[in-house]
Amino acid sequence: MSFLWSLIVGGIIGWLAGMIVGRDVPGGVIGNIIAGFIGAWLGSSLLGDWGPVVGNFAIIPAIIGAAVVVLVVSLVLRSMSGRAHD
């Protein structure tokens, strides 16, 4: 049950990050979960584990890290799709 809760919280973190950045996460729900997990790892690595913890995620650093991940992934995908049309 703990793993399922982590998946749900990771998906919500990825979705919130996409809303904050104003860009969609590629891959839908799975992309949100992946962005949430990677963002949580990145955020806690760079900013530490502070703030409220839900589903083993420190929420504030996780959202900040996921927003960075969503922004970088969307910029990379946009540059790759622009290059494919050249």
PDB file of N, CA and C in Angstrom:
ATOM      1  N   MET A   1       0.816  -1.190   0.000  1.00  0.00           N
ATOM      2  CA  MET A   1       0.000   0.000   0.000  1.00  0.00           C
ATOM      3  C   MET A   1       0.864   1.260   0.000  1.00  0.00           C
ATOM      4  N   SER A   2       2.023   1.174   0.648  1.00  0.00           N
ATOM      5  CA  SER A   2       2.933   2.319   0.695  1.00  0.00           C
ATOM      6  C   SER A   2       3.445   2.668  -0.707  1.00  0.00           C
ATOM      7  N   PHE A   3       3.730   1.644  -1.523  1.00  0.00           N
ATOM      8  CA  PHE A   3       4.201   1.885  -2.887  1.00  0.00           C
ATOM      9  C   PHE A   3       3.125   2.566  -3.720  1.00  0.00           C
ATOM     10  N   LEU A   4       1.881   2.127  -3.568  1.00  0.00           N
ATOM     11  CA  LEU A   4       0.770   2.743  -4.291  1.00  0.00           C
ATOM     12  C   LEU A   4       0.607   4.205  -3.881  1.00  0.00           C
ATOM     13  N   TRP A   5       0.709   4.479  -2.590  1.00  0.00           N
ATOM     14  CA  TRP A   5       0.611   5.855  -2.093  1.00  0.00           C
ATOM     15  C   TRP A   5       1.737   6.711  -2.673  1.00  0.00           C
ATOM     16  N   SER A   6       2.951   6.155  -2.770  1.00  0.00           N
ATOM     17  CA  SER A   6       4.079   6.883  -3.356  1.00  0.00           C
ATOM     18  C   SER A   6       3.822   7.191  -4.832  1.00  0.00           C
ATOM     19  N   LEU A   7       3.233   6.242  -5.563  1.00  0.00           N
ATOM     20  CA  LEU A   7       2.905   6.483  -6.970  1.00  0.00           C
ATOM     21  C   LEU A   7       1.886   7.609  -7.116  1.00  0.00           C
ATOM     22  N   ILE A   8       0.880   7.613  -6.260  1.00  0.00           N
ATOM     23  CA  ILE A   8      -0.156   8.651  -6.322  1.00  0.00           C
ATOM     24  C   ILE A   8       0.443  10.014  -6.005  1.00  0.00           C
ATOM     25  N   VAL A   9       1.225  10.089  -4.932  1.00  0.00           N
ATOM     26  CA  VAL A   9       1.827  11.366  -4.544  1.00  0.00           C
ATOM     27  C   VAL A   9       2.827  11.827  -5.614  1.00  0.00           C
ATOM     28  N   GLY A  10       3.608  10.905  -6.173  1.00  0.00           N
ATOM     29  CA  GLY A  10       4.535  11.254  -7.257  1.00  0.00           C
ATOM     30  C   GLY A  10       3.803  11.798  -8.468  1.00  0.00           C
ATOM     31  N   GLY A  11       2.672  11.203  -8.812  1.00  0.00           N
ATOM     32  CA  GLY A  11       1.873  11.692  -9.937  1.00  0.00           C
ATOM     33  C   GLY A  11       1.318  13.079  -9.679  1.00  0.00           C
ATOM     34  N   ILE A  12       0.865  13.325  -8.467  1.00  0.00           N
ATOM     35  CA  ILE A  12       0.330  14.647  -8.119  1.00  0.00           C
ATOM     36  C   ILE A  12       1.443  15.694  -8.139  1.00  0.00           C
ATOM     37  N   ILE A  13       2.625  15.331  -7.647  1.00  0.00           N
ATOM     38  CA  ILE A  13       3.760  16.260  -7.676  1.00  0.00           C
ATOM     39  C   ILE A  13       4.119  16.598  -9.112  1.00  0.00           C
ATOM     40  N   GLY A  14       4.186  15.604  -9.993  1.00  0.00           N
ATOM     41  CA  GLY A  14       4.480  15.854 -11.407  1.00  0.00           C
ATOM     42  C   GLY A  14       3.418  16.715 -12.065  1.00  0.00           C
ATOM     43  N   TRP A  15       2.151  16.471 -11.742  1.00  0.00           N
ATOM     44  CA  TRP A  15       1.058  17.263 -12.299  1.00  0.00           C
ATOM     45  C   TRP A  15       1.144  18.714 -11.827  1.00  0.00           C
ATOM     46  N   LEU A  16       1.385  18.916 -10.527  1.00  0.00           N
ATOM     47  CA  LEU A  16       1.533  20.270  -9.994  1.00  0.00           C
ATOM     48  C   LEU A  16       2.713  21.000 -10.633  1.00  0.00           C
ATOM     49  N   ALA A  17       3.802  20.284 -10.838  1.00  0.00           N
ATOM     50  CA  ALA A  17       4.973  20.897 -11.468  1.00  0.00           C
ATOM     51  C   ALA A  17       4.632  21.349 -12.889  1.00  0.00           C
ATOM     52  N   GLY A  18       3.902  20.528 -13.627  1.00  0.00           N
ATOM     53  CA  GLY A  18       3.479  20.907 -14.978  1.00  0.00           C
ATOM     54  C   GLY A  18       2.573  22.122 -14.959  1.00  0.00           C
ATOM     55  N   MET A  19       1.702  22.210 -13.961  1.00  0.00           N
ATOM     56  CA  MET A  19       0.809  23.367 -13.840  1.00  0.00           C
ATOM     57  C   MET A  19       1.605  24.628 -13.501  1.00  0.00           C
ATOM     58  N   ILE A  20       2.589  24.513 -12.631  1.00  0.00           N
ATOM     59  CA  ILE A  20       3.401  25.662 -12.236  1.00  0.00           C
ATOM     60  C   ILE A  20       4.223  26.165 -13.416  1.00  0.00           C
ATOM     61  N   VAL A  21       4.842  25.249 -14.139  1.00  0.00           N
ATOM     62  CA  VAL A  21       5.688  25.627 -15.274  1.00  0.00           C
ATOM     63  C   VAL A  21       4.841  26.049 -16.470  1.00  0.00           C
ATOM     64  N   GLY A  22       3.623  25.544 -16.543  1.00  0.00           N
ATOM     65  CA  GLY A  22       2.751  25.881 -17.668  1.00  0.00           C
ATOM     66  C   GLY A  22       2.997  25.031 -18.895  1.00  0.00           C
ATOM     67  N   ARG A  23       3.548  23.857 -18.683  1.00  0.00           N
ATOM     68  CA  ARG A  23       3.829  22.933 -19.788  1.00  0.00           C
ATOM     69  C   ARG A  23       3.339  21.547 -19.409  1.00  0.00           C
ATOM     70  N   ASP A  24       2.908  20.810 -20.417  1.00  0.00           N
ATOM     71  CA  ASP A  24       2.457  19.439 -20.175  1.00  0.00           C
ATOM     72  C   ASP A  24       3.656  18.517 -20.037  1.00  0.00           C
ATOM     73  N   VAL A  25       3.496  17.533 -19.192  1.00  0.00           N
ATOM     74  CA  VAL A  25       4.520  16.506 -19.045  1.00  0.00           C
ATOM     75  C   VAL A  25       4.262  15.457 -20.114  1.00  0.00           C
ATOM     76  N   PRO A  26       5.266  15.154 -20.943  1.00  0.00           N
ATOM     77  CA  PRO A  26       5.055  14.099 -21.942  1.00  0.00           C
ATOM     78  C   PRO A  26       4.786  12.758 -21.262  1.00  0.00           C
ATOM     79  N   GLY A  27       3.874  11.992 -21.794  1.00  0.00           N
ATOM     80  CA  GLY A  27       3.596  10.667 -21.269  1.00  0.00           C
ATOM     81  C   GLY A  27       2.395  10.593 -20.355  1.00  0.00           C
ATOM     82  N   GLY A  28       1.677  11.679 -20.176  1.00  0.00           N
ATOM     83  CA  GLY A  28       0.454  11.655 -19.379  1.00  0.00           C
ATOM     84  C   GLY A  28       0.706  11.301 -17.925  1.00  0.00           C
ATOM     85  N   VAL A  29      -0.096  10.373 -17.400  1.00  0.00           N
ATOM     86  CA  VAL A  29      -0.016  10.002 -15.990  1.00  0.00           C
ATOM     87  C   VAL A  29       1.337   9.379 -15.665  1.00  0.00           C
ATOM     88  N   ILE A  30       1.814   8.507 -16.546  1.00  0.00           N
ATOM     89  CA  ILE A  30       3.124   7.877 -16.318  1.00  0.00           C
ATOM     90  C   ILE A  30       4.219   8.934 -16.312  1.00  0.00           C
ATOM     91  N   GLY A  31       4.136   9.888 -17.223  1.00  0.00           N
ATOM     92  CA  GLY A  31       5.106  10.984 -17.252  1.00  0.00           C
ATOM     93  C   GLY A  31       5.060  11.818 -15.986  1.00  0.00           C
ATOM     94  N   ASN A  32       3.849  12.053 -15.459  1.00  0.00           N
ATOM     95  CA  ASN A  32       3.713  12.789 -14.197  1.00  0.00           C
ATOM     96  C   ASN A  32       4.376  12.037 -13.048  1.00  0.00           C
ATOM     97  N   ILE A  33       4.167  10.731 -12.999  1.00  0.00           N
ATOM     98  CA  ILE A  33       4.758   9.931 -11.930  1.00  0.00           C
ATOM     99  C   ILE A  33       6.279   9.951 -12.034  1.00  0.00           C
ATOM    100  N   ILE A  34       6.795   9.780 -13.243  1.00  0.00           N
ATOM    101  CA  ILE A  34       8.249   9.790 -13.435  1.00  0.00           C
ATOM    102  C   ILE A  34       8.824  11.154 -13.081  1.00  0.00           C
ATOM    103  N   ALA A  35       8.189  12.234 -13.552  1.00  0.00           N
ATOM    104  CA  ALA A  35       8.657  13.583 -13.222  1.00  0.00           C
ATOM    105  C   ALA A  35       8.594  13.822 -11.721  1.00  0.00           C
ATOM    106  N   GLY A  36       7.559  13.312 -11.066  1.00  0.00           N
ATOM    107  CA  GLY A  36       7.438  13.456  -9.617  1.00  0.00           C
ATOM    108  C   GLY A  36       8.548  12.746  -8.869  1.00  0.00           C
ATOM    109  N   PHE A  37       8.857  11.519  -9.272  1.00  0.00           N
ATOM    110  CA  PHE A  37       9.912  10.763  -8.612  1.00  0.00           C
ATOM    111  C   PHE A  37      11.287  11.385  -8.860  1.00  0.00           C
ATOM    112  N   ILE A  38      11.579  11.704 -10.120  1.00  0.00           N
ATOM    113  CA  ILE A  38      12.879  12.308 -10.430  1.00  0.00           C
ATOM    114  C   ILE A  38      12.990  13.683  -9.782  1.00  0.00           C
ATOM    115  N   GLY A  39      11.901  14.454  -9.830  1.00  0.00           N
ATOM    116  CA  GLY A  39      11.905  15.770  -9.209  1.00  0.00           C
ATOM    117  C   GLY A  39      12.078  15.696  -7.703  1.00  0.00           C
ATOM    118  N   ALA A  40      11.454  14.713  -7.070  1.00  0.00           N
ATOM    119  CA  ALA A  40      11.609  14.544  -5.626  1.00  0.00           C
ATOM    120  C   ALA A  40      13.053  14.203  -5.279  1.00  0.00           C
ATOM    121  N   TRP A  41      13.659  13.349  -6.071  1.00  0.00           N
ATOM    122  CA  TRP A  41      15.062  13.005  -5.842  1.00  0.00           C
ATOM    123  C   TRP A  41      15.951  14.227  -6.040  1.00  0.00           C
ATOM    124  N   LEU A  42      15.733  14.949  -7.151  1.00  0.00           N
ATOM    125  CA  LEU A  42      16.541  16.134  -7.449  1.00  0.00           C
ATOM    126  C   LEU A  42      16.338  17.213  -6.387  1.00  0.00           C
ATOM    127  N   GLY A  43      15.089  17.480  -6.045  1.00  0.00           N
ATOM    128  CA  GLY A  43      14.791  18.510  -5.051  1.00  0.00           C
ATOM    129  C   GLY A  43      15.375  18.200  -3.691  1.00  0.00           C
ATOM    130  N   SER A  44      15.256  16.953  -3.258  1.00  0.00           N
ATOM    131  CA  SER A  44      15.795  16.611  -1.940  1.00  0.00           C
ATOM    132  C   SER A  44      17.323  16.568  -1.964  1.00  0.00           C
ATOM    133  N   SER A  45      17.912  16.235  -3.110  1.00  0.00           N
ATOM    134  CA  SER A  45      19.373  16.243  -3.215  1.00  0.00           C
ATOM    135  C   SER A  45      19.924  17.661  -3.147  1.00  0.00           C
ATOM    136  N   LEU A  46      19.259  18.584  -3.817  1.00  0.00           N
ATOM    137  CA  LEU A  46      19.749  19.961  -3.868  1.00  0.00           C
ATOM    138  C   LEU A  46      19.297  20.803  -2.677  1.00  0.00           C
ATOM    139  N   LEU A  47      18.061  20.597  -2.215  1.00  0.00           N
ATOM    140  CA  LEU A  47      17.490  21.475  -1.200  1.00  0.00           C
ATOM    141  C   LEU A  47      17.333  20.828   0.166  1.00  0.00           C
ATOM    142  N   GLY A  48      17.500  19.530   0.254  1.00  0.00           N
ATOM    143  CA  GLY A  48      17.330  18.835   1.525  1.00  0.00           C
ATOM    144  C   GLY A  48      15.890  18.391   1.727  1.00  0.00           C
ATOM    145  N   ASP A  49      15.658  17.724   2.825  1.00  0.00           N
ATOM    146  CA  ASP A  49      14.318  17.214   3.156  1.00  0.00           C
ATOM    147  C   ASP A  49      13.673  18.104   4.213  1.00  0.00           C
ATOM    148  N   TRP A  50      13.054  19.180   3.775  1.00  0.00           N
ATOM    149  CA  TRP A  50      12.372  20.079   4.709  1.00  0.00           C
ATOM    150  C   TRP A  50      10.940  20.277   4.249  1.00  0.00           C
ATOM    151  N   GLY A  51      10.129  20.755   5.120  1.00  0.00           N
ATOM    152  CA  GLY A  51       8.722  20.955   4.801  1.00  0.00           C
ATOM    153  C   GLY A  51       7.918  19.703   5.083  1.00  0.00           C
ATOM    154  N   PRO A  52       6.634  19.749   4.754  1.00  0.00           N
ATOM    155  CA  PRO A  52       5.774  18.595   5.021  1.00  0.00           C
ATOM    156  C   PRO A  52       6.183  17.374   4.190  1.00  0.00           C
ATOM    157  N   VAL A  53       6.045  16.206   4.780  1.00  0.00           N
ATOM    158  CA  VAL A  53       6.385  14.949   4.105  1.00  0.00           C
ATOM    159  C   VAL A  53       5.102  14.149   3.923  1.00  0.00           C
ATOM    160  N   VAL A  54       4.828  13.773   2.666  1.00  0.00           N
ATOM    161  CA  VAL A  54       3.663  12.962   2.337  1.00  0.00           C
ATOM    162  C   VAL A  54       4.131  11.853   1.413  1.00  0.00           C
ATOM    163  N   GLY A  55       3.809  10.621   1.721  1.00  0.00           N
ATOM    164  CA  GLY A  55       4.193   9.494   0.874  1.00  0.00           C
ATOM    165  C   GLY A  55       5.695   9.384   0.693  1.00  0.00           C
ATOM    166  N   ASN A  56       6.449   9.665   1.734  1.00  0.00           N
ATOM    167  CA  ASN A  56       7.919   9.641   1.725  1.00  0.00           C
ATOM    168  C   ASN A  56       8.537  10.721   0.834  1.00  0.00           C
ATOM    169  N   PHE A  57       7.777  11.742   0.471  1.00  0.00           N
ATOM    170  CA  PHE A  57       8.288  12.861  -0.313  1.00  0.00           C
ATOM    171  C   PHE A  57       8.229  14.124   0.528  1.00  0.00           C
ATOM    172  N   ALA A  58       9.341  14.863   0.604  1.00  0.00           N
ATOM    173  CA  ALA A  58       9.311  16.210   1.166  1.00  0.00           C
ATOM    174  C   ALA A  58       8.690  17.081   0.078  1.00  0.00           C
ATOM    175  N   ILE A  59       7.474  17.523   0.291  1.00  0.00           N
ATOM    176  CA  ILE A  59       6.633  18.082  -0.767  1.00  0.00           C
ATOM    177  C   ILE A  59       7.242  19.312  -1.444  1.00  0.00           C
ATOM    178  N   ILE A  60       7.699  20.280  -0.693  1.00  0.00           N
ATOM    179  CA  ILE A  60       8.172  21.535  -1.297  1.00  0.00           C
ATOM    180  C   ILE A  60       9.417  21.310  -2.158  1.00  0.00           C
ATOM    181  N   PRO A  61      10.480  20.667  -1.650  1.00  0.00           N
ATOM    182  CA  PRO A  61      11.616  20.401  -2.533  1.00  0.00           C
ATOM    183  C   PRO A  61      11.246  19.506  -3.720  1.00  0.00           C
ATOM    184  N   ALA A  62      10.311  18.574  -3.515  1.00  0.00           N
ATOM    185  CA  ALA A  62       9.904  17.680  -4.595  1.00  0.00           C
ATOM    186  C   ALA A  62       9.205  18.452  -5.709  1.00  0.00           C
ATOM    187  N   ILE A  63       8.334  19.382  -5.357  1.00  0.00           N
ATOM    188  CA  ILE A  63       7.639  20.174  -6.380  1.00  0.00           C
ATOM    189  C   ILE A  63       8.617  21.070  -7.122  1.00  0.00           C
ATOM    190  N   ILE A  64       9.545  21.692  -6.397  1.00  0.00           N
ATOM    191  CA  ILE A  64      10.558  22.543  -7.052  1.00  0.00           C
ATOM    192  C   ILE A  64      11.414  21.704  -7.996  1.00  0.00           C
ATOM    193  N   GLY A  65      11.873  20.550  -7.534  1.00  0.00           N
ATOM    194  CA  GLY A  65      12.685  19.673  -8.379  1.00  0.00           C
ATOM    195  C   GLY A  65      11.913  19.167  -9.582  1.00  0.00           C
ATOM    196  N   ALA A  66      10.644  18.809  -9.396  1.00  0.00           N
ATOM    197  CA  ALA A  66       9.829  18.328 -10.510  1.00  0.00           C
ATOM    198  C   ALA A  66       9.562  19.443 -11.516  1.00  0.00           C
ATOM    199  N   ALA A  67       9.404  20.671 -11.046  1.00  0.00           N
ATOM    200  CA  ALA A  67       9.208  21.796 -11.968  1.00  0.00           C
ATOM    201  C   ALA A  67      10.446  21.980 -12.835  1.00  0.00           C
ATOM    202  N   VAL A  68      11.617  21.827 -12.256  1.00  0.00           N
ATOM    203  CA  VAL A  68      12.859  21.909 -13.029  1.00  0.00           C
ATOM    204  C   VAL A  68      12.915  20.779 -14.049  1.00  0.00           C
ATOM    205  N   VAL A  69      12.566  19.577 -13.635  1.00  0.00           N
ATOM    206  CA  VAL A  69      12.577  18.427 -14.545  1.00  0.00           C
ATOM    207  C   VAL A  69      11.608  18.639 -15.701  1.00  0.00           C
ATOM    208  N   VAL A  70      10.392  19.090 -15.409  1.00  0.00           N
ATOM    209  CA  VAL A  70       9.389  19.322 -16.461  1.00  0.00           C
ATOM    210  C   VAL A  70       9.878  20.392 -17.430  1.00  0.00           C
ATOM    211  N   LEU A  71      10.443  21.469 -16.918  1.00  0.00           N
ATOM    212  CA  LEU A  71      10.934  22.543 -17.772  1.00  0.00           C
ATOM    213  C   LEU A  71      12.063  22.061 -18.679  1.00  0.00           C
ATOM    214  N   VAL A  72      13.019  21.356 -18.115  1.00  0.00           N
ATOM    215  CA  VAL A  72      14.153  20.863 -18.908  1.00  0.00           C
ATOM    216  C   VAL A  72      13.683  19.861 -19.954  1.00  0.00           C
ATOM    217  N   VAL A  73      12.830  18.921 -19.573  1.00  0.00           N
ATOM    218  CA  VAL A  73      12.350  17.911 -20.529  1.00  0.00           C
ATOM    219  C   VAL A  73      11.552  18.564 -21.647  1.00  0.00           C
ATOM    220  N   SER A  74      10.697  19.518 -21.314  1.00  0.00           N
ATOM    221  CA  SER A  74       9.900  20.163 -22.362  1.00  0.00           C
ATOM    222  C   SER A  74      10.780  20.989 -23.299  1.00  0.00           C
ATOM    223  N   LEU A  75      11.807  21.651 -22.768  1.00  0.00           N
ATOM    224  CA  LEU A  75      12.723  22.414 -23.635  1.00  0.00           C
ATOM    225  C   LEU A  75      13.536  21.492 -24.538  1.00  0.00           C
ATOM    226  N   VAL A  76      14.000  20.379 -23.988  1.00  0.00           N
ATOM    227  CA  VAL A  76      14.772  19.425 -24.799  1.00  0.00           C
ATOM    228  C   VAL A  76      13.897  18.828 -25.893  1.00  0.00           C
ATOM    229  N   LEU A  77      12.676  18.433 -25.551  1.00  0.00           N
ATOM    230  CA  LEU A  77      11.787  17.855 -26.560  1.00  0.00           C
ATOM    231  C   LEU A  77      11.410  18.881 -27.627  1.00  0.00           C
ATOM    232  N   ARG A  78      11.225  20.131 -27.227  1.00  0.00           N
ATOM    233  CA  ARG A  78      10.901  21.173 -28.198  1.00  0.00           C
ATOM    234  C   ARG A  78      12.066  21.413 -29.145  1.00  0.00           C
ATOM    235  N   SER A  79      13.298  21.419 -28.611  1.00  0.00           N
ATOM    236  CA  SER A  79      14.449  21.641 -29.484  1.00  0.00           C
ATOM    237  C   SER A  79      14.662  20.451 -30.405  1.00  0.00           C
ATOM    238  N   MET A  80      14.376  19.235 -29.921  1.00  0.00           N
ATOM    239  CA  MET A  80      14.529  18.054 -30.770  1.00  0.00           C
ATOM    240  C   MET A  80      13.484  18.028 -31.873  1.00  0.00           C
ATOM    241  N   SER A  81      12.248  18.434 -31.572  1.00  0.00           N
ATOM    242  CA  SER A  81      11.207  18.436 -32.587  1.00  0.00           C
ATOM    243  C   SER A  81      11.431  19.563 -33.587  1.00  0.00           C
ATOM    244  N   GLY A  82      12.016  20.670 -33.145  1.00  0.00           N
ATOM    245  CA  GLY A  82      12.355  21.760 -34.057  1.00  0.00           C
ATOM    246  C   GLY A  82      13.480  21.379 -34.995  1.00  0.00           C
ATOM    247  N   ARG A  83      14.421  20.605 -34.474  1.00  0.00           N
ATOM    248  CA  ARG A  83      15.547  20.151 -35.282  1.00  0.00           C
ATOM    249  C   ARG A  83      15.122  19.110 -36.311  1.00  0.00           C
ATOM    250  N   ALA A  84      14.113  18.328 -35.980  1.00  0.00           N
ATOM    251  CA  ALA A  84      13.638  17.275 -36.905  1.00  0.00           C
ATOM    252  C   ALA A  84      12.992  17.884 -38.145  1.00  0.00           C
ATOM    253  N   HIS A  85      12.435  19.096 -38.014  1.00  0.00           N
ATOM    254  CA  HIS A  85      11.787  19.734 -39.146  1.00  0.00           C
ATOM    255  C   HIS A  85      12.749  20.556 -40.001  1.00  0.00           C
ATOM    256  N   ASP A  86      13.976  20.745 -39.533  1.00  0.00           N
ATOM    257  CA  ASP A  86      14.949  21.528 -40.314  1.00  0.00           C
ATOM    258  C   ASP A  86      15.518  20.757 -41.468  1.00  0.00           C
TER     259      ASP A  86
END
